[in-house]
Structures are given as structure tokens and as C-alpha cells.
């Protein structure tokens, strides 16, 4: 009698040991949503936030009562759950049992994931900050345009819009600093990270995240993002860029550089970019003969609009584009997620200023050429 008991006991230990890691790595999604048109939900994993690439990982069957329940052996990540034509974003860590309930897709309650709670708090704050700092200025511009105010006044407000967007991004960094610790939701925030003054904090953040999630694929993604920020920070050197102009002639940055060169990422659909064209024309006219150059990179996706904007804005300096929008390879390489974005480099290609616009740009160029 003792031998069978001992044998069963050993088998139990082995089974428990083999199942425990899987349980720790898994998570579940269940709930009840009434009013759905479809009898299924689609779960997709976000592979790359910047490129907005996703992979569908499952279709959850929904019964006639609107109930669903699935367990997954998948890595911690950011996932999208599609409910009919809508989607909810979930930041899921291992071991979480997520319950989703609601009467319609507009009235959803999510429980069981502290990471998703943080993601939603971040998103709420992001919208609040953007509305307060940026969209309010855009609203004023729209109203003043109707009233026919001077272009100078509009230009001042466009400059304020750009500067306020920088403040907005720094507010988001501070939210991460104050609230997120090492949550999986940090990856969701990384597309809006800005470097230079924030690099020391972001470097420590990624180190702490790696300690908490040493085997997570998100860890490598955050390290890649940090490397990109370091690569595009003051003091780094911009490698050569080669892209076609509107005549399909390949224009090299190295062959276009002056003593100081502004690498200007812009697009025809970006109002602050179009407004800043006026200042760029003035600076180019004043300082080009002294060694100032501009290398414009359009992130347009429609060739006709790009060429029309070049002509209308009198952008007579080298202008290049592959007309692929934010999927332009150089845009991905340098992590460009918002416009306008620029890098001011010296003759060696070393970055001496990042995202410098309006009055600050004018003062910087004036200072450089007055020495």
C-alpha cells in the first residue's frame, strides 16, 4: 500500500512542477457583453507600436448570452480586443485574469489587470493634456482665421502650438515617472518618449523594467527605443541620408550639408510645418551664402500634395521623399512620430539641437552665424 501512495505522490509533484511555469506565464480573458452584433471577439497582439503592426492571435466565441472565456499561454504584451467595429486596448501581464463586462461596446468595465488600469489612466491624462495644451490653440487658430487676423498672429499661435506639444510630451513623461513603475503599460507610452533632458530617467526606467521583466520581448523593444533616443540626441552624429527628390534624383545629405544644416521632417498636411516654411525661407535667404543649408524630408503619402506644397511654400532647398508617410524608412529609423520634427547638425553631422522651432530656431541660427 505504501508503494502506490508514494508513486502517486511523486507523480503529483512532477505534474505540479511542470504545470506551474505555464500557469505563471498564462492569462485569461472572460466576461459578458450584451448587444454585440457578432458571435465572436478578435484578440490581436501589437507587435510594433510605431509601425502599428499587429498579429491576430485568437477568435473568442461569444454565446447567445454574450459570454466568453479563454485562457492563453502568450507573452505579456499590449493586446487589442475587437468588439464588432470597436476595439479596447489591454496591457496584460502574466497571471492576470481579465474580466470584461458591459451592456454595449460603449459601456465597458475591465477588471483584473492593474496594467490595463494604468494604460487607461495614462490615455485619459494624455487626452486631457493634449486638449489643454495643443487642441485649445488649434481651436483659437481656427476661430481667428474666420475673423481674418494677420498671418503674423497665426504664425505666433502655430509656434505656441509646437512649443505646447513639447510641454505635452514632457507631461506624459512625468506621468510615467510618477505613476507607472515597471508596468507592462510602459511600452504603450514609449512612442511619445522624448530624449535629451529625459534620457537619464528613461535609461533608469528601462533598466528597472528589465530587472522586473528579464525575459519579456517588451524589454528589448524598450531598449531599442532608448537606443534610438540616444542616437537622435544632442551630441550624436547623423549618418548620411539618401532619398529621391521630386525629379526622382537621389539626393545625399552628405552632398547637401553646409556649415550648419537643418534636417526638417515635415508634410503638406501639417499646418505648423507649412507656417514654419515662411521662417525657413527667411533664414535660408539670409544665411545660405554663409553656409546654412536645409535638407527637407517630407512624410507625405501623396506625391501630388507634396510637390504642390513645395511649389506653394517656395521650398527651394533640397527636398526629398519616398511618399510613404510615417512608414518612410528614415522616419522609422529615427523614430519620427510627430511633425514638425527637426535636427540641427554641424558640418561633421553632429547634432547640436533637436526640435528647435520658431523664435528659438531663428535665435540659434543667428547666434551660430554671428560668431
Protein backbone atom coordinates (compact mmCIF):
# COMPACT_ATOMS: atom_id res chain seq x y z
CA UNK A 1 0.00 0.00 0.00
CA UNK A 2 2.84 2.36 0.73
CA UNK A 3 4.44 1.96 -2.71
CA UNK A 4 1.40 3.06 -4.78
CA UNK A 5 0.86 6.01 -2.45
CA UNK A 6 4.48 7.08 -2.76
CA UNK A 7 4.31 6.66 -6.54
CA UNK A 8 1.16 8.80 -6.80
CA UNK A 9 2.74 11.44 -4.56
CA UNK A 10 5.83 11.69 -6.78
CA UNK A 11 3.68 11.91 -9.93
CA UNK A 12 1.71 14.77 -8.33
CA UNK A 13 4.89 16.72 -7.58
CA UNK A 14 6.13 16.31 -11.14
CA UNK A 15 2.82 17.41 -12.63
CA UNK A 16 2.67 20.43 -10.32
CA UNK A 17 6.24 21.43 -11.17
CA UNK A 18 5.62 21.11 -14.90
CA UNK A 19 2.33 23.00 -14.85
CA UNK A 20 3.32 25.88 -12.58
CA UNK A 21 5.53 27.78 -15.09
CA UNK A 22 2.77 27.61 -17.71
CA UNK A 23 0.24 28.93 -15.21
CA UNK A 24 2.56 31.77 -14.28
CA UNK A 25 3.01 32.72 -17.93
CA UNK A 26 -0.67 32.47 -18.87
CA UNK A 27 -3.57 34.86 -18.57
CA UNK A 28 -7.30 34.63 -19.13
CA UNK A 29 -9.94 36.83 -20.72
CA UNK A 30 -13.58 36.33 -19.83
CA UNK A 31 -16.70 38.35 -19.47
CA UNK A 32 -20.16 39.19 -20.67
CA UNK A 33 -21.05 41.88 -23.20
CA UNK A 34 -24.61 42.16 -24.38
CA UNK A 35 -25.68 43.90 -27.56
CA UNK A 36 -22.91 42.54 -29.76
CA UNK A 37 -23.67 42.04 -33.44
CA UNK A 38 -21.06 39.31 -33.93
CA UNK A 39 -20.82 35.96 -32.17
CA UNK A 40 -17.08 36.35 -31.69
CA UNK A 41 -14.38 38.74 -30.49
CA UNK A 42 -10.95 39.06 -32.12
CA UNK A 43 -7.81 39.25 -30.00
CA UNK A 44 -4.70 40.70 -31.63
CA UNK A 45 -1.23 41.37 -30.26
CA UNK A 46 0.51 44.67 -31.01
CA UNK A 47 3.90 43.77 -32.48
CA UNK A 48 5.19 47.29 -33.15
CA UNK A 49 3.51 50.42 -31.85
CA UNK A 50 5.32 52.85 -34.14
CA UNK A 51 4.54 50.90 -37.29
CA UNK A 52 1.10 49.92 -35.96
CA UNK A 53 1.66 46.28 -36.85
CA UNK A 54 -0.45 43.61 -35.16
CA UNK A 55 -0.98 39.86 -35.28
CA UNK A 56 -4.35 38.19 -34.73
CA UNK A 57 -3.86 35.53 -32.05
CA UNK A 58 -7.38 34.24 -31.42
CA UNK A 59 -11.09 34.46 -32.09
CA UNK A 60 -13.13 34.25 -28.89
CA UNK A 61 -16.51 32.63 -29.30
CA UNK A 62 -19.40 34.52 -27.68
CA UNK A 63 -22.53 32.60 -26.69
CA UNK A 64 -26.10 33.83 -27.03
CA UNK A 65 -25.89 35.47 -23.59
CA UNK A 66 -22.83 37.49 -24.62
CA UNK A 67 -20.47 35.38 -22.51
CA UNK A 68 -16.91 34.40 -23.43
CA UNK A 69 -13.97 32.76 -21.67
CA UNK A 70 -10.48 31.86 -22.91
CA UNK A 71 -7.11 31.05 -21.33
CA UNK A 72 -3.88 31.91 -23.15
CA UNK A 73 -0.26 30.88 -22.97
CA UNK A 74 1.01 34.11 -24.52
CA UNK A 75 3.70 36.64 -23.53
CA UNK A 76 2.97 39.81 -21.56
CA UNK A 77 2.20 42.48 -24.16
CA UNK A 78 -0.24 45.10 -25.38
CA UNK A 79 -3.28 43.48 -26.98
CA UNK A 80 -6.33 44.74 -28.82
CA UNK A 81 -9.72 43.10 -28.31
CA UNK A 82 -12.09 43.89 -31.18
CA UNK A 83 -15.76 44.16 -30.28
CA UNK A 84 -17.71 44.43 -33.53
CA UNK A 85 -16.29 47.59 -35.16
CA UNK A 86 -14.70 48.88 -31.94
CA UNK A 87 -11.64 47.82 -30.01
CA UNK A 88 -10.32 48.06 -26.49
CA UNK A 89 -6.62 48.04 -25.70
CA UNK A 90 -5.33 45.80 -22.93
CA UNK A 91 -1.92 45.80 -21.22
CA UNK A 92 -1.65 42.23 -20.00
CA UNK A 93 0.95 40.75 -17.66
CA UNK A 94 1.32 37.08 -16.77
CA UNK A 95 -1.12 35.57 -14.32
CA UNK A 96 -3.83 38.17 -14.84
CA UNK A 97 -7.47 37.09 -15.07
CA UNK A 98 -9.21 39.82 -17.01
CA UNK A 99 -12.97 40.19 -16.81
CA UNK A 100 -14.80 42.45 -19.25
CA UNK A 101 -18.45 43.32 -18.90
CA UNK A 102 -20.92 45.82 -20.21
CA UNK A 103 -24.29 46.35 -21.81
CA UNK A 104 -22.91 47.85 -25.03
CA UNK A 105 -19.50 48.37 -26.58
CA UNK A 106 -19.67 51.96 -25.32
CA UNK A 107 -20.16 50.92 -21.71
CA UNK A 108 -17.30 48.58 -20.88
CA UNK A 109 -15.84 47.77 -17.47
CA UNK A 110 -12.46 46.00 -17.33
CA UNK A 111 -11.27 44.29 -14.15
CA UNK A 112 -8.37 42.05 -13.20
CA UNK A 113 -5.47 43.88 -14.86
CA UNK A 114 -3.63 46.62 -12.98
CA UNK A 115 -1.55 47.22 -16.12
CA UNK A 116 -4.67 47.93 -18.19
CA UNK A 117 -5.89 50.26 -15.44
CA UNK A 118 -2.63 52.21 -15.74
CA UNK A 119 -2.85 52.25 -19.53
CA UNK A 120 -6.36 53.71 -19.37
CA UNK A 121 -5.33 56.31 -16.78
CA UNK A 122 -2.41 57.31 -19.00
CA UNK A 123 -4.67 57.58 -22.03
CA UNK A 124 -7.19 59.69 -20.13
CA UNK A 125 -4.43 62.01 -18.97
CA UNK A 126 -2.90 62.13 -22.48
CA UNK A 127 -6.19 63.32 -23.99
CA UNK A 128 -6.65 65.86 -21.18
CA UNK A 129 -3.12 67.24 -21.61
CA UNK A 130 -3.38 67.37 -25.42
CA UNK A 131 -6.73 69.18 -25.30
CA UNK A 132 -5.47 71.69 -22.73
CA UNK A 133 -2.14 72.49 -24.36
CA UNK A 134 -2.49 71.80 -28.08
CA UNK A 135 -6.05 71.44 -29.29
CA UNK A 136 -7.10 74.61 -27.46
CA UNK A 137 -4.53 76.56 -29.51
CA UNK A 138 -5.73 74.90 -32.73
CA UNK A 139 -9.26 75.94 -31.83
CA UNK A 140 -8.12 79.55 -31.35
CA UNK A 141 -6.33 79.48 -34.70
CA UNK A 142 -9.45 78.20 -36.44
CA UNK A 143 -11.55 80.97 -34.92
CA UNK A 144 -9.02 83.72 -35.68
CA UNK A 145 -8.77 82.55 -39.29
CA UNK A 146 -12.52 83.08 -39.61
CA UNK A 147 -12.04 86.59 -38.24
CA UNK A 148 -9.32 87.30 -40.80
CA UNK A 149 -6.50 88.16 -38.40
CA UNK A 150 -2.97 88.75 -39.69
CA UNK A 151 -0.72 85.91 -40.80
CA UNK A 152 1.79 87.06 -38.19
CA UNK A 153 -0.68 86.38 -35.40
CA UNK A 154 -1.45 82.95 -36.83
CA UNK A 155 2.29 82.21 -37.10
CA UNK A 156 2.74 83.13 -33.43
CA UNK A 157 -0.02 80.73 -32.45
CA UNK A 158 1.44 77.97 -34.63
CA UNK A 159 4.74 78.45 -32.80
CA UNK A 160 2.86 78.24 -29.50
CA UNK A 161 1.17 75.04 -30.69
CA UNK A 162 4.54 73.42 -31.40
CA UNK A 163 6.06 74.55 -28.10
CA UNK A 164 2.99 73.40 -26.18
CA UNK A 165 3.26 69.99 -27.82
CA UNK A 166 6.75 69.69 -26.34
CA UNK A 167 5.30 70.54 -22.92
CA UNK A 168 2.59 67.94 -23.53
CA UNK A 169 5.18 65.23 -24.22
CA UNK A 170 7.12 66.13 -21.10
CA UNK A 171 3.91 65.96 -19.05
CA UNK A 172 3.42 62.41 -20.33
CA UNK A 173 6.98 61.51 -19.29
CA UNK A 174 6.23 62.90 -15.83
CA UNK A 175 3.07 60.79 -15.64
CA UNK A 176 5.15 57.69 -16.37
CA UNK A 177 7.70 58.80 -13.77
CA UNK A 178 5.07 59.37 -11.08
CA UNK A 179 2.63 56.53 -11.71
CA UNK A 180 3.80 53.59 -13.79
CA UNK A 181 6.74 51.95 -12.02
CA UNK A 182 7.57 48.89 -14.21
CA UNK A 183 4.11 48.15 -15.60
CA UNK A 184 3.68 46.45 -18.99
CA UNK A 185 1.75 49.61 -19.92
CA UNK A 186 5.06 51.47 -20.15
CA UNK A 187 5.50 50.10 -23.66
CA UNK A 188 2.27 51.84 -24.69
CA UNK A 189 3.79 55.18 -23.63
CA UNK A 190 7.11 54.71 -25.43
CA UNK A 191 6.04 56.16 -28.80
CA UNK A 192 5.82 59.56 -27.11
CA UNK A 193 9.12 59.45 -25.26
CA UNK A 194 11.40 62.40 -25.90
CA UNK A 195 15.13 62.40 -25.27
CA UNK A 196 17.86 64.80 -24.18
CA UNK A 197 16.76 66.05 -20.75
CA UNK A 198 14.67 62.91 -20.15
CA UNK A 199 17.36 60.41 -21.11
CA UNK A 200 18.72 59.82 -17.56
CA UNK A 201 15.24 58.94 -16.28
CA UNK A 202 14.35 56.81 -19.30
CA UNK A 203 17.64 54.94 -19.05
CA UNK A 204 16.93 54.07 -15.41
CA UNK A 205 13.32 53.20 -16.27
CA UNK A 206 14.39 50.68 -18.90
CA UNK A 207 16.97 49.16 -16.53
CA UNK A 208 14.29 48.75 -13.85
CA UNK A 209 11.87 47.27 -16.38
CA UNK A 210 14.49 44.76 -17.47
CA UNK A 211 15.04 43.68 -13.87
CA UNK A 212 11.29 43.16 -13.42
CA UNK A 213 10.75 41.53 -16.83
CA UNK A 214 14.10 39.97 -17.82
CA UNK A 215 12.66 37.63 -20.46
CA UNK A 216 9.91 39.83 -21.87
CA UNK A 217 10.06 40.80 -25.54
CA UNK A 218 8.87 44.25 -24.46
CA UNK A 219 12.18 44.71 -22.62
CA UNK A 220 14.08 44.53 -25.91
CA UNK A 221 11.62 46.90 -27.57
CA UNK A 222 12.15 49.46 -24.81
CA UNK A 223 15.93 49.06 -25.09
CA UNK A 224 15.63 49.63 -28.83
CA UNK A 225 13.60 52.78 -28.21
CA UNK A 226 16.17 54.04 -25.73
CA UNK A 227 18.96 53.38 -28.23
CA UNK A 228 17.02 55.36 -30.84
CA UNK A 229 16.63 58.32 -28.46
CA UNK A 230 20.35 58.25 -27.73
CA UNK A 231 21.06 58.10 -31.46
CA UNK A 232 18.98 61.23 -32.11
CA UNK A 233 20.08 63.28 -29.11
CA UNK A 234 22.40 66.27 -28.98
CA UNK A 235 26.00 65.14 -29.43
CA UNK A 236 25.20 62.13 -31.61
CA UNK A 237 26.17 62.03 -35.28
CA UNK A 238 23.61 61.70 -38.06
CA UNK A 239 24.66 59.16 -40.65
CA UNK A 240 24.19 60.06 -44.28
CA UNK A 241 20.66 60.01 -45.70
CA UNK A 242 19.95 59.33 -49.36
CA UNK A 243 16.45 59.85 -50.75
CA UNK A 244 14.85 60.89 -54.06
CA UNK A 245 13.66 64.40 -54.81
CA UNK A 246 10.57 65.26 -56.85
CA UNK A 247 12.51 64.51 -60.05
CA UNK A 248 13.47 61.06 -58.71
CA UNK A 249 17.10 62.15 -58.37
CA UNK A 250 18.77 60.66 -55.31
CA UNK A 251 19.95 63.48 -53.05
CA UNK A 252 22.52 62.70 -50.38
CA UNK A 253 22.60 64.59 -47.09
CA UNK A 254 26.39 64.42 -47.15
CA UNK A 255 26.48 66.21 -50.50
CA UNK A 256 23.97 68.80 -49.31
CA UNK A 257 25.42 69.72 -45.93
CA UNK A 258 26.57 73.23 -45.14
CA UNK A 259 28.45 74.53 -42.12
CA UNK A 260 25.14 74.04 -40.32
CA UNK A 261 22.22 72.08 -41.73
CA UNK A 262 18.63 71.80 -40.59
CA UNK A 263 17.16 68.36 -41.29
CA UNK A 264 13.48 69.23 -41.48
CA UNK A 265 10.82 66.50 -41.26
CA UNK A 266 7.51 67.90 -42.47
CA UNK A 267 4.41 67.18 -44.59
CA UNK A 268 1.92 69.12 -46.69
CA UNK A 269 -0.92 68.21 -44.30
CA UNK A 270 0.92 69.60 -41.21
CA UNK A 271 -0.22 73.22 -40.57
CA UNK A 272 2.69 74.15 -38.23
CA UNK A 273 5.12 72.81 -40.86
CA UNK A 274 3.55 74.93 -43.57
CA UNK A 275 3.57 78.03 -41.39
CA UNK A 276 7.24 77.49 -40.49
CA UNK A 277 8.09 77.46 -44.21
CA UNK A 278 7.96 81.26 -44.06
CA UNK A 279 10.65 81.41 -41.36
CA UNK A 280 12.76 78.78 -43.14
CA UNK A 281 12.67 80.88 -46.31
CA UNK A 282 13.86 83.93 -44.39
CA UNK A 283 16.68 82.02 -42.69
CA UNK A 284 17.72 80.35 -45.93
CA UNK A 285 17.76 83.66 -47.78
CA UNK A 286 19.80 85.35 -45.06
CA UNK A 287 22.31 82.65 -44.18
CA UNK A 288 22.61 80.26 -47.13
CA UNK A 289 25.58 82.11 -48.61
CA UNK A 290 27.26 81.92 -45.21
CA UNK A 291 26.90 78.14 -45.03
CA UNK A 292 23.35 77.42 -43.83
CA UNK A 293 21.53 74.55 -45.54
CA UNK A 294 18.18 72.85 -45.18
CA UNK A 295 17.51 69.22 -46.06
CA UNK A 296 13.74 68.73 -46.15
CA UNK A 297 12.23 65.28 -45.71
CA UNK A 298 8.54 65.06 -46.46
CA UNK A 299 6.42 62.39 -44.80
CA UNK A 300 3.62 62.87 -47.28
CA UNK A 301 1.87 59.82 -48.68
CA UNK A 302 0.51 61.59 -51.77
CA UNK A 303 3.10 62.76 -54.27
CA UNK A 304 0.84 65.41 -55.81
CA UNK A 305 0.26 67.10 -52.45
CA UNK A 306 3.97 67.06 -51.63
CA UNK A 307 5.03 68.68 -54.92
CA UNK A 308 2.24 71.25 -54.71
CA UNK A 309 3.34 72.24 -51.19
CA UNK A 310 7.00 72.56 -52.27
CA UNK A 311 6.00 74.97 -55.01
CA UNK A 312 3.50 76.96 -52.96
CA UNK A 313 5.82 77.33 -49.96
CA UNK A 314 8.83 78.11 -52.19
CA UNK A 315 10.99 75.37 -50.63
CA UNK A 316 13.99 75.87 -52.92
CA UNK A 317 16.46 73.85 -50.81
CA UNK A 318 16.92 70.09 -51.27
CA UNK A 319 13.58 68.37 -50.69
CA UNK A 320 13.25 64.57 -50.66
CA UNK A 321 10.56 61.97 -50.04
CA UNK A 322 9.65 58.36 -50.75
CA UNK A 323 5.98 59.35 -50.30
CA UNK A 324 5.34 56.64 -47.72
CA UNK A 325 4.12 58.77 -44.83
CA UNK A 326 5.29 57.64 -41.40
CA UNK A 327 6.29 54.31 -42.97
CA UNK A 328 9.15 56.10 -44.72
CA UNK A 329 12.26 54.06 -43.76
CA UNK A 330 14.18 57.07 -42.45
CA UNK A 331 11.15 58.06 -40.37
CA UNK A 332 11.14 54.62 -38.75
CA UNK A 333 14.92 54.65 -38.33
CA UNK A 334 14.83 57.95 -36.45
CA UNK A 335 11.59 57.29 -34.59
CA UNK A 336 9.64 60.20 -36.07
CA UNK A 337 6.11 60.02 -34.65
CA UNK A 338 5.02 63.67 -34.87
CA UNK A 339 5.55 66.68 -37.13
CA UNK A 340 7.26 69.05 -37.36
CA UNK A 341 10.48 67.40 -36.16
CA UNK A 342 13.97 68.67 -36.92
CA UNK A 343 17.64 68.14 -36.19
CA UNK A 344 20.24 70.90 -36.48
CA UNK A 345 23.68 69.48 -37.31
CA UNK A 346 27.14 70.93 -37.84
CA UNK A 347 29.47 70.21 -40.77
CA UNK A 348 30.54 66.89 -39.24
CA UNK A 349 26.96 65.69 -38.87
CA UNK A 350 26.90 66.12 -35.09
CA UNK A 351 23.51 67.09 -33.69
CA UNK A 352 23.64 70.44 -31.91
CA UNK A 353 19.89 70.96 -31.41
CA UNK A 354 16.71 68.88 -31.64
CA UNK A 355 13.17 70.10 -32.31
CA UNK A 356 14.01 73.76 -32.29
CA UNK A 357 11.36 75.93 -33.92
CA UNK A 358 10.12 79.47 -34.35
CA UNK A 359 11.87 82.19 -32.38
CA UNK A 360 14.25 79.68 -30.77
CA UNK A 361 15.35 78.43 -34.20
CA UNK A 362 15.83 81.96 -35.51
CA UNK A 363 17.89 82.95 -32.48
CA UNK A 364 20.03 79.80 -32.71
CA UNK A 365 20.84 80.27 -36.41
CA UNK A 366 21.56 83.96 -35.87
CA UNK A 367 23.90 83.11 -32.98
CA UNK A 368 25.76 80.45 -35.00
CA UNK A 369 26.46 82.79 -37.90
CA UNK A 370 27.32 85.83 -35.83
CA UNK A 371 30.34 84.17 -34.24
